[in-house]
Structures are given as structure tokens and as C-alpha cells.
Amino acid sequence: MRNMLIRPSRKELEHFHPDYVIYNAGAFPANRFTTGMTSSTSVAINFAEKEMVILGTEYAGEMKKGKRLLFFACIVDL
């Protein structure tokens, strides 16, 4: 992911507040016994809280696709 994003300087980070937060817990499986869950992999987005959670997959593409989805969702809101 680092090679896909522009890393801000320390000075830019001093007053930075993210628009969205991505929690990537790829090594931690989702609970398949939760209602509606059929896999140990889960990618969930809460647009109200502006958070995305990735469980059960260490595939970096999930972060990339999630970031792109959030980007397009923000464009639609403009």
C-alpha cells in the first residue's frame, strides 16, 4: 500500500485527522457463526462512522479495493 499513496511529511501529520480509518486485521478470522457470515474473511465498511474493517485475509488487494471504493463513494457525495 505504501507505494500507492503519497506519504505526508511530519509537519503535515501534526494536525492531520483522517477522513476514514481502515483497520486491517488480516491474520484474525471473522466469526463464521455470526448471522449472515459464511466465510472467515470479511470486509465491512461503516459509512456513518467512516471506518473499514478487514478480517481473515492478508491479501493487500482488499485494502486497495476498499480505498478505491471509499474514494468513489466520496466523489458521488460531492
C-alpha atoms as a PDB file:
ATOM      1  CA  MET A   1       0.000   0.000   0.000  1.00  0.00           C
ATOM      2  CA  ARG A   2       2.794   2.471   0.749  1.00  0.00           C
ATOM      3  CA  ASN A   3       3.857   2.629  -2.880  1.00  0.00           C
ATOM      4  CA  MET A   4       0.302   3.613  -3.918  1.00  0.00           C
ATOM      5  CA  LEU A   5      -0.145   6.596  -1.609  1.00  0.00           C
ATOM      6  CA  ILE A   6       1.702   9.848  -1.044  1.00  0.00           C
ATOM      7  CA  ARG A   7       3.321   9.798   2.378  1.00  0.00           C
ATOM      8  CA  PRO A   8       2.888  13.170   4.152  1.00  0.00           C
ATOM      9  CA  SER A   9       5.777  14.893   5.915  1.00  0.00           C
ATOM     10  CA  ARG A  10       5.993  15.008   9.723  1.00  0.00           C
ATOM     11  CA  LYS A  11       4.889  18.643   9.635  1.00  0.00           C
ATOM     12  CA  GLU A  12       1.814  17.743   7.558  1.00  0.00           C
ATOM     13  CA  LEU A  13       0.930  14.998  10.051  1.00  0.00           C
ATOM     14  CA  GLU A  14       0.922  17.353  13.063  1.00  0.00           C
ATOM     15  CA  HIS A  15      -2.692  18.465  12.517  1.00  0.00           C
ATOM     16  CA  PHE A  16      -3.861  15.551  10.392  1.00  0.00           C
ATOM     17  CA  HIS A  17      -7.246  13.935  11.033  1.00  0.00           C
ATOM     18  CA  PRO A  18      -8.173  11.079   8.687  1.00  0.00           C
ATOM     19  CA  ASP A  19     -11.431  11.117   6.744  1.00  0.00           C
ATOM     20  CA  TYR A  20     -11.667   7.322   7.089  1.00  0.00           C
ATOM     21  CA  VAL A  21      -9.869   4.731   9.223  1.00  0.00           C
ATOM     22  CA  ILE A  22      -9.005   1.263   7.881  1.00  0.00           C
ATOM     23  CA  TYR A  23      -8.444  -1.487  10.446  1.00  0.00           C
ATOM     24  CA  ASN A  24      -6.603  -4.356   8.765  1.00  0.00           C
ATOM     25  CA  ALA A  25      -6.633  -7.438  10.965  1.00  0.00           C
ATOM     26  CA  GLY A  26      -5.967  -9.877   8.147  1.00  0.00           C
ATOM     27  CA  ALA A  27      -4.493 -12.598  10.345  1.00  0.00           C
ATOM     28  CA  PHE A  28      -7.598 -12.558  12.590  1.00  0.00           C
ATOM     29  CA  PRO A  29     -10.507 -14.572  11.104  1.00  0.00           C
ATOM     30  CA  ALA A  30     -14.089 -13.370  11.117  1.00  0.00           C
ATOM     31  CA  ASN A  31     -16.526 -15.441  13.192  1.00  0.00           C
ATOM     32  CA  ARG A  32     -18.298 -17.700  10.659  1.00  0.00           C
ATOM     33  CA  PHE A  33     -21.048 -18.374  13.208  1.00  0.00           C
ATOM     34  CA  THR A  34     -22.217 -14.740  13.175  1.00  0.00           C
ATOM     35  CA  THR A  35     -25.573 -14.349  11.429  1.00  0.00           C
ATOM     36  CA  GLY A  36     -25.049 -13.720   7.722  1.00  0.00           C
ATOM     37  CA  MET A  37     -21.356 -14.671   7.823  1.00  0.00           C
ATOM     38  CA  THR A  38     -20.409 -17.592   5.559  1.00  0.00           C
ATOM     39  CA  SER A  39     -16.621 -17.203   5.498  1.00  0.00           C
ATOM     40  CA  SER A  40     -13.711 -16.448   7.795  1.00  0.00           C
ATOM     41  CA  THR A  41     -12.970 -13.454   5.531  1.00  0.00           C
ATOM     42  CA  SER A  42     -14.900 -10.216   5.925  1.00  0.00           C
ATOM     43  CA  VAL A  43     -14.524  -6.667   4.611  1.00  0.00           C
ATOM     44  CA  ALA A  44     -17.013  -4.324   6.260  1.00  0.00           C
ATOM     45  CA  ILE A  45     -17.487  -0.592   5.740  1.00  0.00           C
ATOM     46  CA  ASN A  46     -19.416   1.686   8.076  1.00  0.00           C
ATOM     47  CA  PHE A  47     -20.059   4.915   6.161  1.00  0.00           C
ATOM     48  CA  ALA A  48     -21.628   6.622   9.205  1.00  0.00           C
ATOM     49  CA  GLU A  49     -18.561   6.024  11.410  1.00  0.00           C
ATOM     50  CA  LYS A  50     -16.164   6.306   8.441  1.00  0.00           C
ATOM     51  CA  GLU A  51     -14.418   3.025   9.254  1.00  0.00           C
ATOM     52  CA  MET A  52     -13.488  -0.085   7.295  1.00  0.00           C
ATOM     53  CA  VAL A  53     -12.538  -3.414   8.906  1.00  0.00           C
ATOM     54  CA  ILE A  54     -10.721  -6.214   7.065  1.00  0.00           C
ATOM     55  CA  LEU A  55     -10.699  -9.655   8.716  1.00  0.00           C
ATOM     56  CA  GLY A  56      -9.388 -13.035   7.672  1.00  0.00           C
ATOM     57  CA  THR A  57      -7.317 -12.092   4.619  1.00  0.00           C
ATOM     58  CA  GLU A  58      -3.777 -10.837   4.323  1.00  0.00           C
ATOM     59  CA  TYR A  59      -4.251 -10.062   0.631  1.00  0.00           C
ATOM     60  CA  ALA A  60      -3.191  -6.411   0.157  1.00  0.00           C
ATOM     61  CA  GLY A  61      -5.692  -6.036  -2.672  1.00  0.00           C
ATOM     62  CA  GLU A  62      -8.508  -5.803  -0.133  1.00  0.00           C
ATOM     63  CA  MET A  63      -7.074  -2.531   1.218  1.00  0.00           C
ATOM     64  CA  LYS A  64      -6.576  -1.235  -2.317  1.00  0.00           C
ATOM     65  CA  LYS A  65     -10.129  -2.103  -3.358  1.00  0.00           C
ATOM     66  CA  GLY A  66     -11.541  -0.699  -0.131  1.00  0.00           C
ATOM     67  CA  LYS A  67      -9.649   2.569  -0.551  1.00  0.00           C
ATOM     68  CA  ARG A  68     -10.905   2.849  -4.125  1.00  0.00           C
ATOM     69  CA  LEU A  69     -14.496   2.172  -3.021  1.00  0.00           C
ATOM     70  CA  LEU A  70     -14.250   4.903  -0.385  1.00  0.00           C
ATOM     71  CA  PHE A  71     -12.767   7.288  -2.959  1.00  0.00           C
ATOM     72  CA  PHE A  72     -15.633   6.691  -5.403  1.00  0.00           C
ATOM     73  CA  ALA A  73     -18.230   6.952  -2.624  1.00  0.00           C
ATOM     74  CA  CYS A  74     -16.799  10.357  -1.646  1.00  0.00           C
ATOM     75  CA  ILE A  75     -16.920  11.560  -5.267  1.00  0.00           C
ATOM     76  CA  VAL A  76     -20.606  10.622  -5.514  1.00  0.00           C
ATOM     77  CA  ASP A  77     -21.340  12.684  -2.367  1.00  0.00           C
ATOM     78  CA  LEU A  78     -19.859  15.813  -3.977  1.00  0.00           C
END
